C-alpha atoms as a PDB file:
ATOM      1  CA  MET A   1       5.659 -16.606 -11.995  1.00  0.00           C
ATOM      2  CA  ASP A   2       6.260 -19.492 -14.375  1.00  0.00           C
ATOM      3  CA  ALA A   3       6.588 -19.710 -18.147  1.00  0.00           C
ATOM      4  CA  LEU A   4       6.916 -22.423 -20.773  1.00  0.00           C
ATOM      5  CA  SER A   5       8.258 -21.638 -24.241  1.00  0.00           C
ATOM      6  CA  ALA A   6       5.965 -22.162 -27.217  1.00  0.00           C
ATOM      7  CA  ASP A   7       8.195 -24.957 -28.532  1.00  0.00           C
ATOM      8  CA  GLY A   8       8.376 -26.665 -25.132  1.00  0.00           C
ATOM      9  CA  ARG A   9      12.182 -26.486 -25.044  1.00  0.00           C
ATOM     10  CA  HIS A  10      12.559 -23.953 -22.217  1.00  0.00           C
ATOM     11  CA  ALA A  11      10.937 -23.262 -18.864  1.00  0.00           C
ATOM     12  CA  LEU A  12      11.373 -20.477 -16.338  1.00  0.00           C
ATOM     13  CA  THR A  13      10.223 -19.944 -12.760  1.00  0.00           C
ATOM     14  CA  LEU A  14      10.677 -16.694 -10.818  1.00  0.00           C
ATOM     15  CA  ILE A  15       9.655 -16.331  -7.160  1.00  0.00           C
ATOM     16  CA  GLY A  16      10.135 -13.187  -5.084  1.00  0.00           C
ATOM     17  CA  PHE A  17      10.276 -13.898  -1.340  1.00  0.00           C
ATOM     18  CA  VAL A  18       9.737 -11.511   1.573  1.00  0.00           C
ATOM     19  CA  GLY A  19      10.247 -13.870   4.460  1.00  0.00           C
ATOM     20  CA  SER A  20      11.839 -16.708   2.490  1.00  0.00           C
ATOM     21  CA  VAL A  21       9.660 -19.645   3.515  1.00  0.00           C
ATOM     22  CA  PHE A  22      12.246 -22.330   2.694  1.00  0.00           C
ATOM     23  CA  SER A  23      15.211 -20.422   4.146  1.00  0.00           C
ATOM     24  CA  PRO A  24      17.196 -22.154   6.924  1.00  0.00           C
ATOM     25  CA  TYR A  25      18.341 -18.694   8.125  1.00  0.00           C
ATOM     26  CA  TYR A  26      14.769 -17.435   8.428  1.00  0.00           C
ATOM     27  CA  ARG A  27      13.773 -20.611  10.281  1.00  0.00           C
ATOM     28  CA  PHE A  28      16.736 -20.324  12.672  1.00  0.00           C
ATOM     29  CA  ALA A  29      15.772 -16.693  13.368  1.00  0.00           C
ATOM     30  CA  GLY A  30      12.329 -17.815  14.526  1.00  0.00           C
ATOM     31  CA  ARG A  31      10.740 -16.424  11.350  1.00  0.00           C
ATOM     32  CA  ARG A  32      10.806 -12.920  12.768  1.00  0.00           C
ATOM     33  CA  LEU A  33      11.539  -9.868  10.598  1.00  0.00           C
ATOM     34  CA  PRO A  34      10.584 -11.257   7.180  1.00  0.00           C
ATOM     35  CA  GLU A  35      12.053  -8.131   5.527  1.00  0.00           C
ATOM     36  CA  ASP A  36      15.475  -9.306   6.715  1.00  0.00           C
ATOM     37  CA  HIS A  37      15.145 -12.543   4.691  1.00  0.00           C
ATOM     38  CA  VAL A  38      14.403 -11.695   1.061  1.00  0.00           C
ATOM     39  CA  ALA A  39      15.341 -13.417  -2.174  1.00  0.00           C
ATOM     40  CA  LEU A  40      14.568 -13.770  -5.864  1.00  0.00           C
ATOM     41  CA  ASN A  41      14.570 -17.415  -6.894  1.00  0.00           C
ATOM     42  CA  VAL A  42      15.342 -18.033 -10.585  1.00  0.00           C
ATOM     43  CA  ALA A  43      14.993 -21.509 -12.109  1.00  0.00           C
ATOM     44  CA  LEU A  44      15.779 -21.604 -15.823  1.00  0.00           C
ATOM     45  CA  THR A  45      15.885 -24.857 -17.769  1.00  0.00           C
ATOM     46  CA  GLY A  46      16.431 -25.778 -21.390  1.00  0.00           C
ATOM     47  CA  ALA A  47      19.104 -27.008 -23.759  1.00  0.00           C
ATOM     48  CA  GLY A  48      22.408 -25.462 -22.689  1.00  0.00           C
ATOM     49  CA  SER A  49      20.794 -22.853 -20.467  1.00  0.00           C
ATOM     50  CA  ASN A  50      20.152 -24.413 -17.061  1.00  0.00           C
ATOM     51  CA  ARG A  51      20.521 -21.930 -14.202  1.00  0.00           C
ATOM     52  CA  TRP A  52      19.291 -21.917 -10.584  1.00  0.00           C
ATOM     53  CA  THR A  53      19.756 -19.045  -8.129  1.00  0.00           C
ATOM     54  CA  MET A  54      18.367 -18.144  -4.719  1.00  0.00           C
ATOM     55  CA  THR A  55      20.571 -15.646  -2.911  1.00  0.00           C
ATOM     56  CA  GLU A  56      19.058 -14.426   0.352  1.00  0.00           C
ATOM     57  CA  ARG A  57      19.630 -10.782   1.284  1.00  0.00           C
ATOM     58  CA  ARG A  58      19.006  -8.509   4.259  1.00  0.00           C
ATOM     59  CA  LYS A  59      16.469  -5.701   4.615  1.00  0.00           C
ATOM     60  CA  GLY A  60      18.893  -3.090   3.270  1.00  0.00           C
ATOM     61  CA  ALA A  61      18.605  -4.777  -0.140  1.00  0.00           C
ATOM     62  CA  LEU A  62      14.789  -4.575  -0.133  1.00  0.00           C
ATOM     63  CA  HIS A  63      12.579  -1.890  -1.598  1.00  0.00           C
ATOM     64  CA  ARG A  64       8.877  -2.362  -2.125  1.00  0.00           C
ATOM     65  CA  ASP A  65       5.786  -0.312  -2.761  1.00  0.00           C
ATOM     66  CA  ALA A  66       2.427  -0.868  -4.433  1.00  0.00           C
ATOM     67  CA  GLU A  67       4.021  -1.495  -7.834  1.00  0.00           C
ATOM     68  CA  THR A  68       7.564  -2.722  -7.137  1.00  0.00           C
ATOM     69  CA  LEU A  69       9.446  -5.475  -5.334  1.00  0.00           C
ATOM     70  CA  SER A  70      13.174  -4.781  -5.596  1.00  0.00           C
ATOM     71  CA  ILE A  71      15.676  -7.244  -4.065  1.00  0.00           C
ATOM     72  CA  GLY A  72      19.326  -6.333  -4.533  1.00  0.00           C
ATOM     73  CA  PRO A  73      20.086  -5.934  -8.250  1.00  0.00           C
ATOM     74  CA  SER A  74      16.813  -7.590  -9.357  1.00  0.00           C
ATOM     75  CA  ALA A  75      13.264  -6.276  -9.362  1.00  0.00           C
ATOM     76  CA  MET A  76       9.634  -7.073 -10.209  1.00  0.00           C
ATOM     77  CA  ARG A  77       7.440  -4.180 -11.401  1.00  0.00           C
ATOM     78  CA  TRP A  78       3.677  -4.298 -12.005  1.00  0.00           C
ATOM     79  CA  ASP A  79       2.341  -1.345 -13.996  1.00  0.00           C
ATOM     80  CA  GLY A  80      -1.328  -2.355 -14.051  1.00  0.00           C
ATOM     81  CA  SER A  81      -1.087  -3.869 -17.525  1.00  0.00           C
ATOM     82  CA  GLY A  82       1.787  -6.298 -17.039  1.00  0.00           C
ATOM     83  CA  LEU A  83       4.742  -7.492 -15.003  1.00  0.00           C
ATOM     84  CA  THR A  84       8.362  -6.699 -15.871  1.00  0.00           C
ATOM     85  CA  VAL A  85      11.148  -8.596 -14.092  1.00  0.00           C
ATOM     86  CA  THR A  86      14.755  -7.454 -14.356  1.00  0.00           C
ATOM     87  CA  ILE A  87      17.159 -10.188 -13.275  1.00  0.00           C
ATOM     88  CA  ASP A  88      20.802  -9.980 -12.242  1.00  0.00           C
ATOM     89  CA  GLU A  89      21.628 -13.002 -10.101  1.00  0.00           C
ATOM     90  CA  ILE A  90      24.475 -15.514  -9.710  1.00  0.00           C
ATOM     91  CA  SER A  91      24.056 -19.234  -9.113  1.00  0.00           C
ATOM     92  CA  PRO A  92      25.686 -20.897  -6.063  1.00  0.00           C
ATOM     93  CA  LEU A  93      28.484 -23.497  -6.000  1.00  0.00           C
ATOM     94  CA  ILE A  94      29.475 -22.988  -9.663  1.00  0.00           C
ATOM     95  CA  PRO A  95      28.987 -19.226 -10.196  1.00  0.00           C
ATOM     96  CA  ARG A  96      27.064 -18.451 -13.382  1.00  0.00           C
ATOM     97  CA  ARG A  97      25.184 -15.228 -13.994  1.00  0.00           C
ATOM     98  CA  VAL A  98      21.542 -14.924 -14.977  1.00  0.00           C
ATOM     99  CA  LYS A  99      20.887 -11.458 -16.385  1.00  0.00           C
ATOM    100  CA  GLY A 100      18.091 -10.064 -18.512  1.00  0.00           C
ATOM    101  CA  THR A 101      14.439  -9.087 -18.661  1.00  0.00           C
ATOM    102  CA  VAL A 102      11.200 -11.051 -18.553  1.00  0.00           C
ATOM    103  CA  ARG A 103       7.846  -9.493 -19.418  1.00  0.00           C
ATOM    104  CA  LEU A 104       4.455 -10.995 -18.634  1.00  0.00           C
ATOM    105  CA  TYR A 105       1.293  -9.724 -20.360  1.00  0.00           C
ATOM    106  CA  PRO A 106      -1.919 -10.950 -18.681  1.00  0.00           C
ATOM    107  CA  GLU A 107      -4.884 -12.094 -20.718  1.00  0.00           C
ATOM    108  CA  ALA A 108      -7.055 -12.295 -17.604  1.00  0.00           C
ATOM    109  CA  VAL A 109      -6.721 -10.865 -14.091  1.00  0.00           C
ATOM    110  CA  VAL A 110      -8.317 -12.348 -10.945  1.00  0.00           C
ATOM    111  CA  ASN A 111      -9.134  -9.766  -8.285  1.00  0.00           C
ATOM    112  CA  HIS A 112      -9.461 -11.877  -5.134  1.00  0.00           C
ATOM    113  CA  PRO A 113      -7.412 -14.461  -3.171  1.00  0.00           C
ATOM    114  CA  VAL A 114      -8.422 -18.009  -2.209  1.00  0.00           C
ATOM    115  CA  ALA A 115      -7.961 -19.446   1.310  1.00  0.00           C
ATOM    116  CA  LEU A 116      -6.022 -22.721   1.282  1.00  0.00           C
ATOM    117  CA  ASP A 117      -6.696 -23.818   4.869  1.00  0.00           C
ATOM    118  CA  SER A 118      -9.746 -23.894   7.124  1.00  0.00           C
ATOM    119  CA  GLU A 119      -8.491 -20.997   9.274  1.00  0.00           C
ATOM    120  CA  ALA A 120      -7.554 -18.848   6.254  1.00  0.00           C
ATOM    121  CA  ARG A 121      -3.993 -18.441   7.491  1.00  0.00           C
ATOM    122  CA  HIS A 122      -2.622 -19.202   4.023  1.00  0.00           C
ATOM    123  CA  CYS A 123      -3.986 -17.510   0.931  1.00  0.00           C
ATOM    124  CA  TRP A 124      -3.312 -18.005  -2.762  1.00  0.00           C
ATOM    125  CA  TRP A 125      -4.071 -15.304  -5.319  1.00  0.00           C
ATOM    126  CA  PRO A 126      -3.787 -16.347  -8.981  1.00  0.00           C
ATOM    127  CA  ILE A 127      -3.425 -12.760 -10.231  1.00  0.00           C
ATOM    128  CA  ALA A 128      -2.776 -13.530 -13.912  1.00  0.00           C
ATOM    129  CA  PRO A 129      -3.490 -17.216 -14.590  1.00  0.00           C
ATOM    130  CA  CYS A 130      -3.589 -16.674 -18.359  1.00  0.00           C
ATOM    131  CA  ALA A 131      -0.657 -14.742 -19.762  1.00  0.00           C
ATOM    132  CA  ARG A 132       1.898 -14.375 -22.531  1.00  0.00           C
ATOM    133  CA  VAL A 133       5.577 -14.173 -21.593  1.00  0.00           C
ATOM    134  CA  GLU A 134       8.605 -12.781 -23.430  1.00  0.00           C
ATOM    135  CA  VAL A 135      12.108 -13.702 -22.216  1.00  0.00           C
ATOM    136  CA  GLU A 136      15.173 -11.684 -23.246  1.00  0.00           C
ATOM    137  CA  LEU A 137      18.375 -12.743 -21.484  1.00  0.00           C
ATOM    138  CA  GLU A 138      21.929 -11.482 -21.898  1.00  0.00           C
ATOM    139  CA  GLN A 139      23.421 -14.265 -19.774  1.00  0.00           C
ATOM    140  CA  PRO A 140      22.865 -16.899 -20.920  1.00  0.00           C
ATOM    141  CA  SER A 141      22.167 -15.506 -24.384  1.00  0.00           C
ATOM    142  CA  LEU A 142      18.573 -16.586 -24.849  1.00  0.00           C
ATOM    143  CA  SER A 143      15.320 -15.258 -26.278  1.00  0.00           C
ATOM    144  CA  TRP A 144      11.927 -16.952 -26.383  1.00  0.00           C
ATOM    145  CA  SER A 145       8.201 -16.453 -25.799  1.00  0.00           C
ATOM    146  CA  GLY A 146       5.399 -18.663 -24.592  1.00  0.00           C
ATOM    147  CA  SER A 147       2.591 -19.117 -22.076  1.00  0.00           C
ATOM    148  CA  GLY A 148       2.859 -17.761 -18.549  1.00  0.00           C
ATOM    149  CA  TYR A 149       1.238 -17.600 -15.139  1.00  0.00           C
ATOM    150  CA  PHE A 150       1.565 -15.172 -12.218  1.00  0.00           C
ATOM    151  CA  ASP A 151       0.326 -15.659  -8.649  1.00  0.00           C
ATOM    152  CA  PHE A 152       0.868 -14.424  -5.092  1.00  0.00           C
ATOM    153  CA  ASN A 153       0.896 -16.274  -1.752  1.00  0.00           C
ATOM    154  CA  THR A 154       0.720 -15.067   1.838  1.00  0.00           C
ATOM    155  CA  GLY A 155       0.946 -16.944   5.131  1.00  0.00           C
ATOM    156  CA  GLU A 156       0.571 -16.040   8.785  1.00  0.00           C
ATOM    157  CA  VAL A 157       2.339 -19.158  10.126  1.00  0.00           C
ATOM    158  CA  PRO A 158       5.051 -21.473   8.734  1.00  0.00           C
ATOM    159  CA  LEU A 159       3.867 -23.786   5.969  1.00  0.00           C
ATOM    160  CA  GLU A 160       4.913 -26.902   7.867  1.00  0.00           C
ATOM    161  CA  GLU A 161       2.590 -25.952  10.755  1.00  0.00           C
ATOM    162  CA  SER A 162      -0.408 -26.135   8.423  1.00  0.00           C
ATOM    163  CA  PHE A 163       0.375 -28.686   5.710  1.00  0.00           C
ATOM    164  CA  HIS A 164       1.960 -32.087   5.199  1.00  0.00           C
ATOM    165  CA  ARG A 165       2.352 -31.694   1.439  1.00  0.00           C
ATOM    166  CA  TRP A 166       0.765 -30.457  -1.759  1.00  0.00           C
ATOM    167  CA  ASN A 167       0.706 -30.991  -5.509  1.00  0.00           C
ATOM    168  CA  TRP A 168      -0.085 -28.108  -7.863  1.00  0.00           C
ATOM    169  CA  CYS A 169      -0.141 -27.772 -11.616  1.00  0.00           C
ATOM    170  CA  ARG A 170      -1.271 -25.388 -14.341  1.00  0.00           C
ATOM    171  CA  ALA A 171      -1.914 -26.166 -17.983  1.00  0.00           C
ATOM    172  CA  SER A 172      -2.737 -23.919 -20.919  1.00  0.00           C
ATOM    173  CA  VAL A 173      -5.856 -24.915 -22.886  1.00  0.00           C
ATOM    174  CA  PRO A 174      -7.476 -23.147 -25.862  1.00  0.00           C
ATOM    175  CA  GLU A 175     -10.030 -21.490 -23.538  1.00  0.00           C
ATOM    176  CA  GLY A 176      -7.415 -20.224 -21.046  1.00  0.00           C
ATOM    177  CA  THR A 177      -5.712 -21.960 -18.119  1.00  0.00           C
ATOM    178  CA  VAL A 178      -6.543 -24.909 -15.865  1.00  0.00           C
ATOM    179  CA  VAL A 179      -5.128 -25.068 -12.326  1.00  0.00           C
ATOM    180  CA  LEU A 180      -5.197 -28.093 -10.010  1.00  0.00           C
ATOM    181  CA  TYR A 181      -4.310 -27.864  -6.319  1.00  0.00           C
ATOM    182  CA  ASP A 182      -4.252 -30.866  -3.947  1.00  0.00           C
ATOM    183  CA  LEU A 183      -3.268 -30.178  -0.331  1.00  0.00           C
ATOM    184  CA  LEU A 184      -3.037 -32.352   2.779  1.00  0.00           C
ATOM    185  CA  ASP A 185      -3.114 -30.432   6.074  1.00  0.00           C
ATOM    186  CA  ARG A 186      -1.640 -31.341   9.456  1.00  0.00           C
ATOM    187  CA  ASP A 187      -4.979 -32.872  10.539  1.00  0.00           C
ATOM    188  CA  ASP A 188      -4.835 -35.187   7.506  1.00  0.00           C
ATOM    189  CA  GLN A 189      -7.716 -33.317   5.895  1.00  0.00           C
ATOM    190  CA  SER A 190      -7.393 -32.952   2.143  1.00  0.00           C
ATOM    191  CA  CYS A 191      -8.430 -30.064  -0.068  1.00  0.00           C
ATOM    192  CA  SER A 192      -8.678 -30.347  -3.855  1.00  0.00           C
ATOM    193  CA  LEU A 193      -9.210 -27.426  -6.208  1.00  0.00           C
ATOM    194  CA  ALA A 194      -9.867 -27.670  -9.946  1.00  0.00           C
ATOM    195  CA  ILE A 195     -10.337 -24.286 -11.592  1.00  0.00           C
ATOM    196  CA  LYS A 196     -10.593 -23.096 -15.181  1.00  0.00           C
ATOM    197  CA  PHE A 197      -9.664 -19.490 -15.913  1.00  0.00           C
ATOM    198  CA  ASP A 198     -11.254 -18.334 -19.168  1.00  0.00           C
ATOM    199  CA  PRO A 199     -10.553 -14.730 -20.268  1.00  0.00           C
ATOM    200  CA  ALA A 200     -13.888 -14.635 -22.125  1.00  0.00           C
ATOM    201  CA  ARG A 201     -16.158 -16.403 -19.611  1.00  0.00           C
ATOM    202  CA  GLY A 202     -14.501 -15.893 -16.241  1.00  0.00           C
ATOM    203  CA  VAL A 203     -13.551 -18.339 -13.482  1.00  0.00           C
ATOM    204  CA  THR A 204     -15.308 -21.684 -13.024  1.00  0.00           C
ATOM    205  CA  ASP A 205     -14.724 -24.665 -10.756  1.00  0.00           C
ATOM    206  CA  PHE A 206     -15.010 -28.197 -12.092  1.00  0.00           C
ATOM    207  CA  GLU A 207     -14.954 -31.662 -10.580  1.00  0.00           C
ATOM    208  CA  PRO A 208     -11.331 -32.788 -10.131  1.00  0.00           C
ATOM    209  CA  PRO A 209     -10.512 -35.878 -12.216  1.00  0.00           C
ATOM    210  CA  ALA A 210      -9.237 -39.031 -10.542  1.00  0.00           C
ATOM    211  CA  PRO A 211      -5.832 -38.883  -8.809  1.00  0.00           C
ATOM    212  CA  ALA A 212      -2.911 -40.208 -10.838  1.00  0.00           C
ATOM    213  CA  ARG A 213       0.519 -41.124  -9.528  1.00  0.00           C
ATOM    214  CA  LEU A 214       3.619 -39.850 -11.254  1.00  0.00           C
ATOM    215  CA  LYS A 215       7.096 -41.348 -11.243  1.00  0.00           C
ATOM    216  CA  LYS A 216       9.104 -40.569  -8.106  1.00  0.00           C
ATOM    217  CA  SER A 217      11.968 -38.126  -8.470  1.00  0.00           C
ATOM    218  CA  PHE A 218      15.685 -38.876  -8.052  1.00  0.00           C
ATOM    219  CA  TRP A 219      15.341 -37.951  -4.355  1.00  0.00           C
ATOM    220  CA  GLY A 220      12.333 -40.247  -3.970  1.00  0.00           C
ATOM    221  CA  MET A 221       9.783 -37.418  -3.849  1.00  0.00           C
ATOM    222  CA  ARG A 222       6.217 -38.605  -4.315  1.00  0.00           C
ATOM    223  CA  ARG A 223       4.445 -36.786  -7.125  1.00  0.00           C
ATOM    224  CA  SER A 224       0.823 -36.989  -8.230  1.00  0.00           C
ATOM    225  CA  THR A 225      -1.662 -35.098 -10.355  1.00  0.00           C
ATOM    226  CA  ARG A 226      -5.148 -35.588 -11.802  1.00  0.00           C
ATOM    227  CA  CYS A 227      -6.017 -37.309 -15.054  1.00  0.00           C
ATOM    228  CA  GLU A 228      -9.264 -38.098 -16.855  1.00  0.00           C
ATOM    229  CA  ARG A 229     -10.180 -41.593 -17.994  1.00  0.00           C
ATOM    230  CA  GLY A 230      -8.530 -42.519 -21.269  1.00  0.00           C
ATOM    231  CA  GLY A 231      -5.486 -40.364 -20.618  1.00  0.00           C
ATOM    232  CA  GLU A 232      -2.017 -41.047 -19.230  1.00  0.00           C
ATOM    233  CA  ALA A 233      -0.296 -38.982 -16.558  1.00  0.00           C
ATOM    234  CA  LYS A 234       3.469 -38.933 -16.970  1.00  0.00           C
ATOM    235  CA  VAL A 235       6.537 -36.855 -16.163  1.00  0.00           C
ATOM    236  CA  VAL A 236       7.918 -35.340 -19.354  1.00  0.00           C
ATOM    237  CA  GLU A 237      10.855 -33.599 -17.681  1.00  0.00           C
ATOM    238  CA  THR A 238      11.970 -32.853 -14.129  1.00  0.00           C
ATOM    239  CA  LEU A 239      12.973 -29.197 -13.981  1.00  0.00           C
ATOM    240  CA  GLU A 240      13.963 -28.977 -10.331  1.00  0.00           C
ATOM    241  CA  ASP A 241      14.642 -31.839  -7.944  1.00  0.00           C
ATOM    242  CA  SER A 242      15.422 -31.621  -4.226  1.00  0.00           C
ATOM    243  CA  PRO A 243      14.713 -33.799  -1.176  1.00  0.00           C
ATOM    244  CA  PHE A 244      11.488 -31.865  -0.437  1.00  0.00           C
ATOM    245  CA  TYR A 245      10.532 -30.047  -3.650  1.00  0.00           C
ATOM    246  CA  THR A 246      10.125 -30.878  -7.333  1.00  0.00           C
ATOM    247  CA  ARG A 247       9.036 -28.841 -10.327  1.00  0.00           C
ATOM    248  CA  SER A 248       8.292 -30.754 -13.491  1.00  0.00           C
ATOM    249  CA  VAL A 249       6.711 -30.691 -16.912  1.00  0.00           C
ATOM    250  CA  VAL A 250       3.988 -33.344 -16.973  1.00  0.00           C
ATOM    251  CA  GLY A 251       1.535 -34.689 -19.494  1.00  0.00           C
ATOM    252  CA  THR A 252      -2.033 -35.488 -18.484  1.00  0.00           C
ATOM    253  CA  ARG A 253      -5.637 -35.305 -19.736  1.00  0.00           C
ATOM    254  CA  LEU A 254      -7.982 -32.517 -18.587  1.00  0.00           C
ATOM    255  CA  LEU A 255     -11.316 -31.241 -19.904  1.00  0.00           C
ATOM    256  CA  GLY A 256     -11.328 -33.804 -22.685  1.00  0.00           C
ATOM    257  CA  ARG A 257      -7.885 -33.085 -24.135  1.00  0.00           C
ATOM    258  CA  ASP A 258      -4.260 -34.075 -23.622  1.00  0.00           C
ATOM    259  CA  VAL A 259      -2.296 -31.192 -22.087  1.00  0.00           C
ATOM    260  CA  THR A 260       1.226 -30.290 -21.040  1.00  0.00           C
ATOM    261  CA  ALA A 261       1.421 -28.778 -17.555  1.00  0.00           C
ATOM    262  CA  ILE A 262       3.895 -27.177 -15.178  1.00  0.00           C
ATOM    263  CA  HIS A 263       3.737 -29.235 -11.984  1.00  0.00           C
ATOM    264  CA  GLU A 264       4.991 -28.726  -8.412  1.00  0.00           C
ATOM    265  CA  SER A 265       5.226 -31.114  -5.456  1.00  0.00           C
ATOM    266  CA  VAL A 266       6.198 -30.112  -1.909  1.00  0.00           C
ATOM    267  CA  ASP A 267       6.733 -32.371   1.126  1.00  0.00           C
ATOM    268  CA  LEU A 268       6.996 -30.254   4.274  1.00  0.00           C
ATOM    269  CA  GLY A 269       7.816 -33.172   6.550  1.00  0.00           C
ATOM    270  CA  ARG A 270      10.949 -33.703   4.483  1.00  0.00           C
ATOM    271  CA  PHE A 271      11.669 -29.970   4.508  1.00  0.00           C
ATOM    272  CA  ALA A 272      11.719 -29.958   8.328  1.00  0.00           C
ATOM    273  CA  ASN A 273      14.174 -32.878   8.498  1.00  0.00           C
ATOM    274  CA  PRO A 274      17.441 -31.702  10.160  1.00  0.00           C
ATOM    275  CA  ILE A 275      19.557 -33.337   7.443  1.00  0.00           C
ATOM    276  CA  VAL A 276      17.716 -31.393   4.739  1.00  0.00           C
ATOM    277  CA  GLN A 277      18.034 -28.190   6.765  1.00  0.00           C
ATOM    278  CA  ALA A 278      21.804 -28.714   6.960  1.00  0.00           C
ATOM    279  CA  MET A 279      21.975 -29.054   3.157  1.00  0.00           C
ATOM    280  CA  LEU A 280      20.041 -25.903   2.305  1.00  0.00           C
ATOM    281  CA  PRO A 281      22.750 -23.233   2.889  1.00  0.00           C
ATOM    282  CA  TYR A 282      24.783 -24.685   0.016  1.00  0.00           C
ATOM    283  CA  ARG A 283      21.892 -23.962  -2.349  1.00  0.00           C
ATOM    284  CA  MET A 284      20.694 -20.772  -0.669  1.00  0.00           C
ATOM    285  CA  PRO A 285      23.662 -18.524   0.243  1.00  0.00           C
ATOM    286  CA  ARG A 286      22.981 -15.451   2.373  1.00  0.00           C
ATOM    287  CA  ARG A 287      24.539 -12.082   1.642  1.00  0.00           C
ATOM    288  CA  PHE A 288      24.603  -9.101   3.970  1.00  0.00           C
ATOM    289  CA  PHE A 289      23.955  -6.477   1.279  1.00  0.00           C
END
């Protein structure tokens, strides 16, 4: 799930993992027993409120059923009309708590997943691509609302076995939400998706605009998106920056208008680098309860 405040000052990403795909512990364990490697990743950015948490827990901390994913003291609950996330997490290195409630109210719901690779071993399901989000946090003391997005991913094999890298972004437009997905697989075959989700008219594909390079991150991560002629693609703010992953706010031009988008870049060759793997435990502590 991701959200951007109406005034553009705050952004939030929440990811619940069962089988934490970027976990060094899960990788070392041969990616067996995904229920023994669970986490809720929280990335909150904004003036005076930056927080990042990703504490991995064992299977005793997991409860899940058709409506609920509970990981330690935090939980995601889907009641058929919306998603409620209760958060109680602590950031690594410099301990700071993130505690509160986030509610997502979908304006449109998609009822089927999309295969991302030729063998359909990885699937993406944009459950609620158009949504309204309300954030109420106790720690840090913060309250805002804005646009949101909620999706779900599954995979039968490790990401790095199937893909070199990808760039993804979603932008709110008056008619709904636009999502761009550019993937490069291990056979150097590319896949580009450009989809508009309109609550009134449904889901439609459109021709992806021309590729546009974005400024590299502090760690030298390559970032790119799509931009129509007459527009300018640029990084407005980098929300999360690591040697293999970035999340950013970008500006670009889509469907004839300038838009602000949440953007993600992943480089799985970098992720597999032993030096990067040795760095990850400092950002992703593992608890045994």
